[in-house]
């Protein structure tokens, strides 16, 4: 059993020696990598063995082979050392070309097709060693998610949110209507025919009005939702084989049309009723306002959208 008190007093420099021996499987090569003497490596290994109460490595010819316990724990230790180095690398000035920063962007799935390819292309050009992840936006816990660092920033519609979350508007977009080619309303979409038609509504919430229906309600209007689904691409597939209408933000509508361009199955029509434009904002926590890497990434997003 490892002595907990000893572990708490562990010199973390010893873990660098541990990492090198594990990776090189040779004391002399580990010394070369660390730019210290083989004697210093041997002394460090002795101390580490005492701390952890385990031989860690056993000599076999010219190789240092890990013990079972060492083999089990080494990948986790090395992974955490790598993470620590990455965090320290980001201290101070941000250098896009050499950085290995990992960005985490909260974004609604429906916006991914129009946003993520642009981000990927721009990062490949300016910061080729960085990575990013798109994760689901939890609107109810957005302040907590940003404050805890689970996401660096979020890209979503206008939300009633206050400091410590900051935000800026990136898109002020209109709506459009999609229908199958050859639809009876293809050249006859008026306010009257729009509201007498049957519609597909899209929302990933179990209940409640979609964004456009809330805007309709503000004008005392309502439409007939015949089918409600969670995914715009599922809605598009149903649209091709039916006489339903699908109302979407214009930017998303372009993506859905481009996706079906080869089959030439869908067309787009302007909204026959005036709706308030749907705003899309970028959100971040005030604690990251002056972080060099995240400030740079916000600028990149602002320029792309």
Protein backbone atom coordinates (compact mmCIF):
# COMPACT_ATOMS: atom_id res chain seq x y z
CA UNK A 1 0.00 0.00 0.00
CA UNK A 2 1.36 3.42 -0.98
CA UNK A 3 2.09 5.78 1.89
CA UNK A 4 -0.30 8.71 1.33
CA UNK A 5 1.86 11.11 3.32
CA UNK A 6 4.88 10.30 1.16
CA UNK A 7 2.89 10.80 -2.03
CA UNK A 8 1.77 14.24 -0.85
CA UNK A 9 5.43 15.16 -0.43
CA UNK A 10 6.39 13.79 -3.84
CA UNK A 11 8.79 15.88 -5.91
CA UNK A 12 6.91 16.17 -9.21
CA UNK A 13 10.22 16.40 -11.10
CA UNK A 14 10.54 12.68 -10.42
CA UNK A 15 7.54 12.06 -12.67
CA UNK A 16 9.47 13.48 -15.63
CA UNK A 17 12.13 10.85 -14.99
CA UNK A 18 9.45 8.18 -14.64
CA UNK A 19 7.94 9.24 -17.99
CA UNK A 20 11.27 9.11 -19.80
CA UNK A 21 12.24 5.69 -18.43
CA UNK A 22 8.81 4.33 -19.34
CA UNK A 23 9.01 5.70 -22.87
CA UNK A 24 12.68 4.94 -23.56
CA UNK A 25 12.91 1.67 -21.57
CA UNK A 26 16.57 2.48 -21.06
CA UNK A 27 18.30 4.49 -18.32
CA UNK A 28 20.97 6.00 -20.58
CA UNK A 29 18.50 7.10 -23.25
CA UNK A 30 16.24 8.55 -20.57
CA UNK A 31 19.22 10.54 -19.26
CA UNK A 32 19.91 11.85 -22.77
CA UNK A 33 16.31 12.95 -23.22
CA UNK A 34 16.33 14.74 -19.87
CA UNK A 35 19.84 16.18 -20.35
CA UNK A 36 21.02 14.77 -17.04
CA UNK A 37 23.46 12.02 -16.08
CA UNK A 38 22.50 8.33 -15.87
CA UNK A 39 23.48 8.53 -12.19
CA UNK A 40 20.88 11.27 -11.64
CA UNK A 41 18.25 9.13 -13.38
CA UNK A 42 19.14 6.17 -11.17
CA UNK A 43 18.93 8.30 -8.03
CA UNK A 44 15.57 9.73 -9.07
CA UNK A 45 14.18 6.25 -9.77
CA UNK A 46 15.34 5.09 -6.35
CA UNK A 47 13.50 7.95 -4.67
CA UNK A 48 10.36 7.31 -6.70
CA UNK A 49 10.42 3.62 -5.78
CA UNK A 50 10.53 4.60 -2.12
CA UNK A 51 7.65 7.03 -2.50
CA UNK A 52 5.40 4.56 -4.32
CA UNK A 53 6.56 1.35 -2.59
CA UNK A 54 6.94 -0.39 -5.93
CA UNK A 55 10.03 -1.33 -8.01
CA UNK A 56 8.28 0.27 -11.04
CA UNK A 57 10.80 -1.17 -13.54
CA UNK A 58 12.75 -4.41 -13.78
CA UNK A 59 15.95 -4.72 -15.76
CA UNK A 60 15.91 -7.23 -18.64
CA UNK A 61 19.14 -7.18 -20.65
CA UNK A 62 19.45 -3.52 -21.65
CA UNK A 63 15.78 -2.70 -21.17
CA UNK A 64 13.84 -1.38 -18.20
CA UNK A 65 10.48 -3.16 -18.30
CA UNK A 66 7.52 -1.82 -16.27
CA UNK A 67 6.03 -3.84 -13.46
CA UNK A 68 2.30 -4.71 -13.74
CA UNK A 69 1.36 -1.81 -11.45
CA UNK A 70 3.57 0.54 -13.43
CA UNK A 71 2.09 -0.66 -16.73
CA UNK A 72 -1.39 -0.02 -15.39
CA UNK A 73 -0.77 3.46 -14.00
CA UNK A 74 1.84 4.91 -16.38
CA UNK A 75 -0.55 5.88 -19.24
CA UNK A 76 -2.71 7.90 -16.85
CA UNK A 77 0.28 9.63 -15.28
CA UNK A 78 1.82 10.48 -18.65
CA UNK A 79 -1.52 11.72 -19.98
CA UNK A 80 -1.87 14.08 -17.02
CA UNK A 81 1.70 15.31 -17.45
CA UNK A 82 0.89 16.06 -21.09
CA UNK A 83 -2.23 17.97 -20.08
CA UNK A 84 -0.25 19.96 -17.51
CA UNK A 85 2.34 20.90 -20.14
CA UNK A 86 -0.43 22.00 -22.50
CA UNK A 87 -1.99 24.18 -19.82
CA UNK A 88 1.34 25.79 -18.97
CA UNK A 89 2.04 26.30 -22.65
CA UNK A 90 -1.01 28.54 -22.88
CA UNK A 91 0.22 30.75 -20.05
CA UNK A 92 0.71 34.29 -21.24
CA UNK A 93 0.89 35.17 -24.91
CA UNK A 94 -1.00 33.02 -27.39
CA UNK A 95 0.90 31.90 -30.51
CA UNK A 96 -1.64 30.44 -32.98
CA UNK A 97 0.87 28.72 -35.28
CA UNK A 98 2.51 26.73 -32.49
CA UNK A 99 -0.34 26.38 -29.99
CA UNK A 100 -1.95 23.03 -29.23
CA UNK A 101 -4.93 24.62 -27.52
CA UNK A 102 -8.23 22.74 -27.47
CA UNK A 103 -11.27 24.99 -27.97
CA UNK A 104 -14.72 23.94 -26.79
CA UNK A 105 -17.66 25.61 -28.47
CA UNK A 106 -21.23 25.11 -27.32
CA UNK A 107 -23.44 25.10 -30.41
CA UNK A 108 -26.88 23.88 -31.42
CA UNK A 109 -26.65 20.87 -33.73
CA UNK A 110 -28.67 22.63 -36.43
CA UNK A 111 -25.98 25.30 -36.77
CA UNK A 112 -23.09 22.83 -37.07
CA UNK A 113 -23.23 22.30 -40.87
CA UNK A 114 -23.02 26.01 -41.63
CA UNK A 115 -20.53 26.98 -38.91
CA UNK A 116 -18.12 24.11 -38.24
CA UNK A 117 -16.62 23.73 -41.75
CA UNK A 118 -15.69 27.42 -41.71
CA UNK A 119 -14.07 27.10 -38.28
CA UNK A 120 -12.16 23.96 -39.27
CA UNK A 121 -10.83 25.60 -42.43
CA UNK A 122 -9.76 28.79 -40.66
CA UNK A 123 -8.03 26.97 -37.81
CA UNK A 124 -6.19 24.77 -40.30
CA UNK A 125 -4.87 27.93 -41.94
CA UNK A 126 -3.99 29.97 -38.85
CA UNK A 127 -3.54 27.50 -36.00
CA UNK A 128 -2.94 24.04 -37.50
CA UNK A 129 -2.04 22.33 -34.22
CA UNK A 130 -5.13 23.45 -32.34
CA UNK A 131 -8.25 21.33 -32.02
CA UNK A 132 -11.85 22.13 -31.23
CA UNK A 133 -14.99 20.35 -30.11
CA UNK A 134 -18.62 21.20 -30.73
CA UNK A 135 -20.80 20.28 -27.77
CA UNK A 136 -24.51 20.54 -27.04
CA UNK A 137 -25.66 23.84 -25.57
CA UNK A 138 -27.38 23.53 -22.20
CA UNK A 139 -29.26 26.82 -22.19
CA UNK A 140 -30.63 26.49 -18.66
CA UNK A 141 -27.14 25.97 -17.26
CA UNK A 142 -25.22 28.15 -19.70
CA UNK A 143 -23.79 30.47 -17.03
CA UNK A 144 -22.58 27.52 -14.96
CA UNK A 145 -21.16 25.67 -17.98
CA UNK A 146 -19.18 28.74 -19.06
CA UNK A 147 -18.09 29.59 -15.50
CA UNK A 148 -16.87 26.06 -14.84
CA UNK A 149 -14.93 26.00 -18.10
CA UNK A 150 -16.88 23.05 -19.51
CA UNK A 151 -17.22 25.14 -22.65
CA UNK A 152 -15.17 28.18 -23.67
CA UNK A 153 -18.01 29.98 -25.39
CA UNK A 154 -21.42 29.27 -26.85
CA UNK A 155 -23.06 30.09 -30.15
CA UNK A 156 -26.85 30.31 -29.89
CA UNK A 157 -29.96 32.40 -30.44
CA UNK A 158 -30.57 35.52 -28.36
CA UNK A 159 -31.13 34.47 -24.75
CA UNK A 160 -32.27 36.43 -21.68
CA UNK A 161 -28.91 36.23 -19.95
CA UNK A 162 -27.00 38.63 -17.70
CA UNK A 163 -23.44 39.10 -16.38
CA UNK A 164 -21.14 37.36 -15.58
CA UNK A 165 -21.93 36.02 -19.07
CA UNK A 166 -21.05 38.46 -21.85
CA UNK A 167 -22.26 38.28 -25.43
CA UNK A 168 -22.21 39.91 -28.84
CA UNK A 169 -24.57 39.56 -31.78
CA UNK A 170 -23.05 37.80 -34.78
CA UNK A 171 -26.01 37.11 -37.03
CA UNK A 172 -29.26 38.98 -37.59
CA UNK A 173 -30.99 36.53 -39.88
CA UNK A 174 -34.34 36.33 -41.58
CA UNK A 175 -36.52 33.26 -42.10
CA UNK A 176 -37.42 31.47 -45.30
CA UNK A 177 -39.79 28.68 -46.30
CA UNK A 178 -38.74 25.36 -47.86
CA UNK A 179 -41.02 23.08 -49.85
CA UNK A 180 -40.67 20.31 -52.37
CA UNK A 181 -40.22 21.23 -56.01
CA UNK A 182 -43.61 21.11 -57.74
CA UNK A 183 -45.52 22.01 -54.57
CA UNK A 184 -48.93 23.60 -55.25
CA UNK A 185 -47.75 26.71 -53.41
CA UNK A 186 -44.47 26.97 -55.32
CA UNK A 187 -45.65 30.15 -57.05
CA UNK A 188 -48.54 30.99 -54.78
CA UNK A 189 -47.18 31.36 -51.25
CA UNK A 190 -49.12 34.16 -49.62
CA UNK A 191 -49.88 34.89 -45.99
CA UNK A 192 -53.26 33.21 -46.42
CA UNK A 193 -51.95 30.07 -48.12
CA UNK A 194 -49.06 29.87 -45.65
CA UNK A 195 -51.37 29.73 -42.63
CA UNK A 196 -53.83 27.31 -44.22
CA UNK A 197 -51.02 24.90 -45.19
CA UNK A 198 -49.67 22.11 -43.01
CA UNK A 199 -46.24 22.56 -41.47
CA UNK A 200 -43.36 20.59 -39.99
CA UNK A 201 -42.11 22.08 -36.74
CA UNK A 202 -38.61 21.43 -35.46
CA UNK A 203 -37.56 21.60 -31.80
CA UNK A 204 -35.45 19.36 -29.60
CA UNK A 205 -37.51 20.33 -26.57
CA UNK A 206 -40.26 17.89 -25.54
CA UNK A 207 -42.91 20.65 -25.59
CA UNK A 208 -43.37 24.35 -26.16
CA UNK A 209 -43.38 26.56 -29.22
CA UNK A 210 -40.50 26.73 -31.68
CA UNK A 211 -38.70 30.05 -32.15
CA UNK A 212 -40.74 31.11 -35.18
CA UNK A 213 -44.02 30.16 -33.51
CA UNK A 214 -43.19 32.42 -30.57
CA UNK A 215 -42.74 35.26 -33.06
CA UNK A 216 -46.06 34.39 -34.69
CA UNK A 217 -47.81 34.40 -31.32
CA UNK A 218 -46.52 37.90 -30.64
CA UNK A 219 -48.52 38.99 -33.69
CA UNK A 220 -51.59 36.98 -32.73
CA UNK A 221 -50.92 34.43 -35.48
CA UNK A 222 -50.64 30.65 -35.43
CA UNK A 223 -50.00 27.91 -37.95
CA UNK A 224 -50.92 24.25 -38.15
CA UNK A 225 -48.07 21.98 -37.05
CA UNK A 226 -48.89 18.55 -38.43
CA UNK A 227 -45.54 16.94 -37.57
CA UNK A 228 -43.06 17.93 -34.89
CA UNK A 229 -39.53 16.49 -34.98
CA UNK A 230 -36.16 17.15 -33.37
CA UNK A 231 -33.92 17.40 -36.40
CA UNK A 232 -33.99 19.69 -39.46
CA UNK A 233 -32.49 16.99 -41.63
CA UNK A 234 -35.29 14.61 -40.69
CA UNK A 235 -37.73 17.40 -41.52
CA UNK A 236 -36.06 17.90 -44.88
CA UNK A 237 -36.39 14.19 -45.69
CA UNK A 238 -40.12 14.32 -44.92
CA UNK A 239 -40.50 17.53 -46.91
CA UNK A 240 -39.29 15.88 -50.10
CA UNK A 241 -42.10 13.32 -50.01
CA UNK A 242 -44.98 15.54 -48.83
CA UNK A 243 -46.87 18.82 -49.21
CA UNK A 244 -45.72 20.19 -45.85
CA UNK A 245 -43.88 23.49 -45.45
CA UNK A 246 -40.75 23.99 -43.37
CA UNK A 247 -39.85 27.39 -41.96
CA UNK A 248 -36.16 27.81 -41.13
CA UNK A 249 -33.58 30.54 -40.53
CA UNK A 250 -32.24 31.59 -43.93
CA UNK A 251 -28.66 30.50 -43.20
CA UNK A 252 -29.84 27.00 -42.30
CA UNK A 253 -32.16 26.94 -45.29
CA UNK A 254 -29.18 27.50 -47.61
CA UNK A 255 -27.42 24.50 -46.07
CA UNK A 256 -30.47 22.27 -46.48
CA UNK A 257 -30.90 23.37 -50.09
CA UNK A 258 -27.22 22.82 -50.85
CA UNK A 259 -27.45 19.36 -49.31
CA UNK A 260 -30.25 18.45 -51.72
CA UNK A 261 -28.93 20.37 -54.74
CA UNK A 262 -27.87 17.29 -56.68
CA UNK A 263 -31.33 15.76 -56.49
CA UNK A 264 -32.95 19.19 -57.11
CA UNK A 265 -35.85 18.30 -54.85
CA UNK A 266 -36.39 21.41 -52.70
CA UNK A 267 -37.00 25.07 -53.36
CA UNK A 268 -36.90 28.14 -51.13
CA UNK A 269 -39.48 30.89 -50.92
CA UNK A 270 -39.42 34.14 -48.96
CA UNK A 271 -41.55 34.43 -45.84
CA UNK A 272 -45.00 35.74 -46.83
CA UNK A 273 -45.44 37.35 -43.40
CA UNK A 274 -43.12 39.78 -41.65
CA UNK A 275 -41.20 38.18 -38.80
CA UNK A 276 -38.63 39.67 -36.49
CA UNK A 277 -35.19 38.52 -37.57
CA UNK A 278 -33.69 35.76 -35.44
CA UNK A 279 -30.50 36.85 -33.72
CA UNK A 280 -27.58 34.55 -33.07
CA UNK A 281 -25.11 35.57 -30.38
CA UNK A 282 -21.71 34.47 -29.14
CA UNK A 283 -21.59 34.01 -25.34
CA UNK A 284 -18.60 33.79 -23.00
CA UNK A 285 -17.84 34.20 -19.30
CA UNK A 286 -16.28 37.44 -18.07
CA UNK A 287 -13.48 35.42 -16.44
CA UNK A 288 -12.22 34.56 -19.92
CA UNK A 289 -12.66 38.05 -21.35
CA UNK A 290 -8.91 38.71 -21.45
CA UNK A 291 -7.65 35.16 -22.02
CA UNK A 292 -5.32 35.44 -25.02
CA UNK A 293 -6.33 32.19 -26.72
CA UNK A 294 -10.06 32.66 -26.24
CA UNK A 295 -9.96 36.32 -27.26
CA UNK A 296 -8.25 35.24 -30.46
CA UNK A 297 -10.85 32.53 -31.07
CA UNK A 298 -13.71 34.98 -30.52
CA UNK A 299 -12.18 37.27 -33.12
CA UNK A 300 -11.92 34.37 -35.56
CA UNK A 301 -15.58 33.47 -35.05
CA UNK A 302 -16.68 37.07 -35.42
CA UNK A 303 -14.83 37.38 -38.73
CA UNK A 304 -16.22 34.11 -40.10
CA UNK A 305 -19.90 34.65 -39.45
